[in-house]
C-alpha atoms as a PDB file:
ATOM      1  CA  MET A   1     -18.986 130.261 132.956  1.00  0.00           C
ATOM      2  CA  LYS A   2     -18.338 128.215 129.814  1.00  0.00           C
ATOM      3  CA  TYR A   3     -15.462 126.438 131.492  1.00  0.00           C
ATOM      4  CA  SER A   4     -17.544 125.282 134.450  1.00  0.00           C
ATOM      5  CA  VAL A   5     -20.300 123.961 132.163  1.00  0.00           C
ATOM      6  CA  ARG A   6     -17.720 122.071 130.110  1.00  0.00           C
ATOM      7  CA  LYS A   7     -16.158 120.697 133.274  1.00  0.00           C
ATOM      8  CA  ALA A   8     -19.563 119.575 134.573  1.00  0.00           C
ATOM      9  CA  LYS A   9     -20.318 117.785 131.301  1.00  0.00           C
ATOM     10  CA  SER A  10     -16.934 116.079 131.465  1.00  0.00           C
ATOM     11  CA  PHE A  11     -17.690 114.920 135.008  1.00  0.00           C
ATOM     12  CA  ASP A  12     -21.069 113.551 133.914  1.00  0.00           C
ATOM     13  CA  ARG A  13     -19.437 111.669 131.032  1.00  0.00           C
ATOM     14  CA  LYS A  14     -16.890 110.118 133.376  1.00  0.00           C
ATOM     15  CA  ARG A  15     -19.601 109.150 135.835  1.00  0.00           C
ATOM     16  CA  TYR A  16     -21.677 107.531 133.065  1.00  0.00           C
ATOM     17  CA  LEU A  17     -18.581 105.785 131.725  1.00  0.00           C
ATOM     18  CA  PHE A  18     -17.835 104.469 135.220  1.00  0.00           C
ATOM     19  CA  LEU A  19     -21.388 103.159 135.645  1.00  0.00           C
ATOM     20  CA  PHE A  20     -21.442 101.631 132.161  1.00  0.00           C
ATOM     21  CA  LEU A  21     -18.113  99.865 132.645  1.00  0.00           C
ATOM     22  CA  PHE A  22     -19.077  98.644 136.115  1.00  0.00           C
ATOM     23  CA  LEU A  23     -22.330  97.163 134.814  1.00  0.00           C
ATOM     24  CA  HIS A  24     -20.543  95.707 131.786  1.00  0.00           C
ATOM     25  CA  ILE A  25     -17.886  93.963 133.881  1.00  0.00           C
ATOM     26  CA  THR A  26     -20.465  92.756 136.398  1.00  0.00           C
ATOM     27  CA  LEU A  27     -22.730  91.319 133.703  1.00  0.00           C
ATOM     28  CA  LEU A  28     -19.824  89.625 131.932  1.00  0.00           C
ATOM     29  CA  ASP A  29     -18.786  88.043 135.210  1.00  0.00           C
ATOM     30  CA  LEU A  30     -22.342  86.977 136.026  1.00  0.00           C
ATOM     31  CA  PHE A  31     -22.673  84.311 133.336  1.00  0.00           C
ATOM     32  CA  TYR A  32     -20.630  81.241 132.600  1.00  0.00           C
ATOM     33  CA  ILE A  33     -21.255  79.347 129.372  1.00  0.00           C
ATOM     34  CA  SER A  34     -20.723  75.598 129.601  1.00  0.00           C
ATOM     35  CA  GLU A  35     -21.555  72.710 127.308  1.00  0.00           C
ATOM     36  CA  GLN A  36     -24.881  72.321 129.102  1.00  0.00           C
ATOM     37  CA  GLY A  37     -25.790  75.986 128.627  1.00  0.00           C
ATOM     38  CA  ALA A  38     -25.516  79.277 130.445  1.00  0.00           C
ATOM     39  CA  VAL A  39     -24.938  79.200 134.191  1.00  0.00           C
ATOM     40  CA  VAL A  40     -25.842  82.248 136.274  1.00  0.00           C
ATOM     41  CA  MET A  41     -23.458  82.717 139.193  1.00  0.00           C
ATOM     42  CA  TRP A  42     -25.304  85.424 141.084  1.00  0.00           C
ATOM     43  CA  GLN A  43     -24.137  84.434 144.587  1.00  0.00           C
ATOM     44  CA  GLU A  44     -20.466  84.577 143.639  1.00  0.00           C
ATOM     45  CA  ASN A  45     -21.009  87.806 141.723  1.00  0.00           C
ATOM     46  CA  LEU A  46     -22.569  89.608 144.692  1.00  0.00           C
ATOM     47  CA  SER A  47     -19.718  88.847 147.104  1.00  0.00           C
ATOM     48  CA  PHE A  48     -17.584  91.711 148.395  1.00  0.00           C
ATOM     49  CA  VAL A  49     -14.403  90.207 146.973  1.00  0.00           C
ATOM     50  CA  THR A  50     -15.877  90.083 143.470  1.00  0.00           C
ATOM     51  CA  GLN A  51     -17.252  93.622 143.671  1.00  0.00           C
ATOM     52  CA  GLY A  52     -13.886  94.809 144.998  1.00  0.00           C
ATOM     53  CA  MET A  53     -12.172  93.160 142.039  1.00  0.00           C
ATOM     54  CA  HIS A  54     -14.578  94.904 139.657  1.00  0.00           C
ATOM     55  CA  LEU A  55     -13.751  98.252 141.296  1.00  0.00           C
ATOM     56  CA  LEU A  56     -10.026  97.488 141.035  1.00  0.00           C
ATOM     57  CA  VAL A  57     -10.394  96.738 137.320  1.00  0.00           C
ATOM     58  CA  LEU A  58     -12.298 100.006 136.878  1.00  0.00           C
ATOM     59  CA  ALA A  59      -9.597 101.935 138.741  1.00  0.00           C
ATOM     60  CA  ILE A  60      -6.960 100.485 136.407  1.00  0.00           C
ATOM     61  CA  VAL A  61      -9.099 101.356 133.376  1.00  0.00           C
ATOM     62  CA  PHE A  62      -9.450 104.952 134.549  1.00  0.00           C
ATOM     63  CA  ILE A  63      -5.710 105.255 135.244  1.00  0.00           C
ATOM     64  CA  VAL A  64      -4.972 104.062 131.707  1.00  0.00           C
ATOM     65  CA  TYR A  65      -7.641 106.455 130.390  1.00  0.00           C
ATOM     66  CA  LYS A  66      -6.005 109.375 132.227  1.00  0.00           C
ATOM     67  CA  LEU A  67      -2.550 108.425 130.947  1.00  0.00           C
ATOM     68  CA  ILE A  68      -3.722 108.147 127.355  1.00  0.00           C
ATOM     69  CA  SER A  69      -5.743 111.361 127.482  1.00  0.00           C
ATOM     70  CA  SER A  70      -2.800 113.266 128.975  1.00  0.00           C
ATOM     71  CA  MET A  71      -0.503 112.052 126.166  1.00  0.00           C
ATOM     72  CA  ARG A  72      -2.587 113.421 123.341  1.00  0.00           C
END
């Protein structure tokens, strides 16, 4: 019983980490700072290619996370 609760909490942490990182990457990609000020690129950010790139970056982050956590 304890193991399943621990496993469920671990899954929730990974899900929250995934959502946090996805939002973080998306928000960082949303703005461009130029000499004239901040530019919001919402049309480019909502394209499928951009969202696919964000998911690819997240997949790489989670692979590195798994590798590091398996080494310790």
